[in-house]
Protein backbone atom coordinates (compact mmCIF):
# COMPACT_ATOMS: atom_id res chain seq x y z
CA MET A 1 -96.42 -0.13 63.42
CA ILE A 2 -97.26 0.24 67.12
CA GLY A 3 -95.31 -2.92 67.91
CA ARG A 4 -92.17 -1.52 66.32
CA ALA A 5 -92.54 1.81 68.10
CA ALA A 6 -92.97 -0.01 71.42
CA ALA A 7 -89.88 -2.12 70.71
CA VAL A 8 -87.83 1.00 69.94
CA VAL A 9 -89.02 2.76 73.11
CA LEU A 10 -88.29 -0.36 75.21
CA THR A 11 -84.82 -0.70 73.69
CA LEU A 12 -83.99 2.94 74.36
CA TRP A 13 -85.30 2.66 77.92
CA LEU A 14 -83.22 -0.48 78.60
CA ALA A 15 -80.14 1.21 77.15
CA ALA A 16 -80.59 4.18 79.49
CA VAL A 17 -81.30 2.18 82.67
CA PRO A 18 -77.67 1.25 83.52
CA VAL A 19 -76.67 4.91 83.30
CA VAL A 20 -79.48 5.91 85.64
CA TRP A 21 -78.70 3.16 88.15
CA ALA A 22 -74.94 3.71 88.18
CA VAL A 23 -73.47 2.76 91.55
CA ASP A 24 -70.65 5.29 91.66
CA PRO A 25 -71.20 8.45 89.61
CA VAL A 26 -68.27 10.30 91.25
CA GLU A 27 -65.79 11.80 88.82
CA LEU A 28 -62.30 12.79 89.95
CA PRO A 29 -60.87 16.05 88.55
CA ASP A 30 -57.81 14.39 86.97
CA PRO A 31 -58.53 11.86 84.17
CA VAL A 32 -55.46 9.82 85.15
CA LEU A 33 -56.68 9.56 88.74
CA GLN A 34 -60.16 8.70 87.48
CA GLU A 35 -58.80 5.82 85.41
CA ARG A 36 -56.71 4.54 88.34
CA TYR A 37 -59.78 4.84 90.57
CA ARG A 38 -61.90 2.80 88.16
CA ALA A 39 -59.22 0.13 87.82
CA LEU A 40 -58.71 -0.15 91.58
CA THR A 41 -62.42 -0.30 92.40
CA HIS A 42 -62.83 -3.15 89.94
CA GLU A 43 -59.89 -5.06 91.49
CA LEU A 44 -61.23 -4.89 95.06
CA ARG A 45 -63.90 -7.26 96.34
CA CYS A 46 -66.89 -6.05 98.32
CA MET A 47 -66.60 -7.64 101.75
CA GLN A 48 -70.37 -7.86 102.12
CA CYS A 49 -71.40 -9.03 98.62
CA GLN A 50 -68.20 -11.07 98.08
CA ASN A 51 -68.85 -11.81 94.40
CA GLN A 52 -68.89 -8.19 93.29
CA SER A 53 -66.25 -5.55 93.06
CA ILE A 54 -66.68 -2.43 95.15
CA ALA A 55 -67.32 -0.57 91.88
CA ASP A 56 -70.41 -2.69 91.18
CA SER A 57 -71.77 -3.13 94.70
CA PRO A 58 -74.56 -0.85 95.93
CA VAL A 59 -74.11 -1.61 99.66
CA GLY A 60 -72.88 0.97 102.15
CA LEU A 61 -69.60 -0.81 102.95
CA ALA A 62 -68.62 -0.72 99.26
CA GLY A 63 -69.43 2.98 99.19
CA ASP A 64 -67.16 3.51 102.19
CA LEU A 65 -64.37 1.55 100.48
CA ARG A 66 -64.79 3.58 97.27
CA ARG A 67 -64.56 6.78 99.31
CA GLU A 68 -61.43 5.48 101.05
CA VAL A 69 -59.84 4.61 97.69
CA ARG A 70 -60.64 8.13 96.42
CA GLU A 71 -59.09 9.70 99.51
CA LEU A 72 -55.94 7.58 99.22
CA LEU A 73 -55.61 8.42 95.52
CA THR A 74 -55.97 12.14 96.13
CA ALA A 75 -53.44 11.83 98.99
CA GLY A 76 -50.86 10.68 96.42
CA LYS A 77 -50.68 6.96 97.29
CA THR A 78 -49.67 4.50 94.56
CA ASP A 79 -51.94 1.66 93.48
CA ALA A 80 -49.70 -0.86 95.25
CA GLU A 81 -49.82 1.18 98.48
CA ILE A 82 -53.61 1.34 98.30
CA ARG A 83 -53.91 -2.42 97.71
CA GLU A 84 -51.49 -3.06 100.59
CA HIS A 85 -53.39 -0.69 102.91
CA LEU A 86 -56.74 -2.34 102.20
CA ALA A 87 -55.30 -5.88 102.34
CA SER A 88 -53.69 -5.17 105.71
CA ARG A 89 -57.00 -3.83 106.97
CA TYR A 90 -59.39 -6.42 105.47
CA GLY A 91 -57.12 -9.35 104.58
CA ASP A 92 -56.12 -10.75 101.18
CA PHE A 93 -59.74 -11.70 100.53
CA ILE A 94 -60.45 -8.13 99.44
CA LEU A 95 -58.18 -8.63 96.41
CA PHE A 96 -59.81 -10.35 93.43
CA ARG A 97 -56.30 -11.36 92.32
CA PRO A 98 -54.58 -12.53 95.50
CA ARG A 99 -50.86 -12.13 95.91
CA PHE A 100 -48.60 -15.16 95.45
CA THR A 101 -47.65 -16.19 98.98
CA ALA A 102 -47.16 -19.54 100.71
CA ARG A 103 -50.76 -19.32 101.90
CA THR A 104 -52.23 -18.59 98.44
CA ALA A 105 -49.85 -20.69 96.31
CA TRP A 106 -52.46 -23.39 95.82
CA LEU A 107 -54.76 -20.82 94.15
CA TRP A 108 -52.13 -20.18 91.49
CA ILE A 109 -50.71 -23.69 91.12
CA THR A 110 -53.93 -25.75 91.08
CA PRO A 111 -55.26 -24.49 87.71
CA VAL A 112 -51.92 -25.26 86.04
CA LEU A 113 -51.83 -28.75 87.59
CA LEU A 114 -55.42 -29.44 86.51
CA LEU A 115 -54.66 -28.29 82.97
CA LEU A 116 -51.58 -30.51 82.75
CA THR A 117 -53.51 -33.46 84.19
CA GLY A 118 -56.29 -32.94 81.64
CA LEU A 119 -53.78 -32.80 78.78
CA PHE A 120 -52.09 -35.98 80.04
CA VAL A 121 -55.42 -37.85 80.27
CA ALA A 122 -56.52 -36.63 76.84
CA LEU A 123 -53.25 -37.77 75.26
CA ARG A 124 -53.54 -41.19 76.93
CA ILE A 125 -57.10 -41.62 75.65
CA ILE A 126 -56.17 -40.54 72.11
CA ARG A 127 -53.14 -42.86 72.00
CA GLY A 128 -55.18 -45.73 73.44
CA ARG A 129 -57.92 -45.34 70.84
CA ALA A 130 -55.38 -45.01 68.03
CA SER A 131 -53.67 -48.27 69.06
CA LEU A 132 -57.06 -50.04 69.26
CA ALA A 133 -57.92 -48.86 65.76
CA ASP A 134 -54.56 -50.12 64.43
CA ALA A 135 -54.97 -53.53 66.08
CA ASP A 136 -58.63 -54.14 65.06
CA PRO A 137 -58.64 -57.20 62.69
CA SER A 138 -62.35 -56.87 61.85
CA GLU A 139 -61.74 -53.78 59.76
CA PRO A 140 -61.21 -54.71 56.09
CA ASP A 141 -58.16 -53.47 54.27
CA ILE A 142 -59.34 -50.84 51.80
CA GLY A 143 -56.92 -51.96 49.08
CA THR A 144 -58.17 -55.60 48.98
CA VAL A 145 -61.92 -55.04 49.02
CA ALA A 146 -63.45 -56.35 45.84
CA GLY A 147 -66.03 -54.29 44.07
CA PRO A 148 -69.28 -55.72 42.65
CA SER A 149 -67.80 -56.41 39.21
CA GLN A 150 -64.79 -58.26 40.64
CA ARG A 151 -66.69 -60.77 42.78
CA GLU A 152 -66.67 -64.42 41.74
CA GLY A 153 -69.78 -65.61 40.05
CA SER A 154 -71.14 -62.21 39.21
CA SER A 155 -72.74 -61.78 35.86
CA SER A 156 -72.60 -58.54 34.01
């Protein structure tokens, strides 16, 4: 009984912890702006953490970037203008989804090329194995295999 009660208390505590440790509890007055704010902060990379968005990063620089995004949103800037402003200030690295330019084309083209190469190799392997199976003379023909009662010299 005590074990179950402890498990329930632990589960409830673990469920409440993310809410308590929320990085950015700021709520904007307009729900539309709030949704845009959340989307933008998840699209922008923290320049210090580098593998986290500014929405998830607890460092001071991410807090400054979140504040700047809030100020730009309340100033009436569009999402594209905010991305452009931050990219011009910090470089394209701040964007989790970089723009398609001559400099970043390899980021967009390489996955497609690797996928096509993998499909080509897989098809070659499958065709090669299928042709080996067709040409294998050691495999008996299923239609001509004699059963135990059809063998010569068998007594029933």
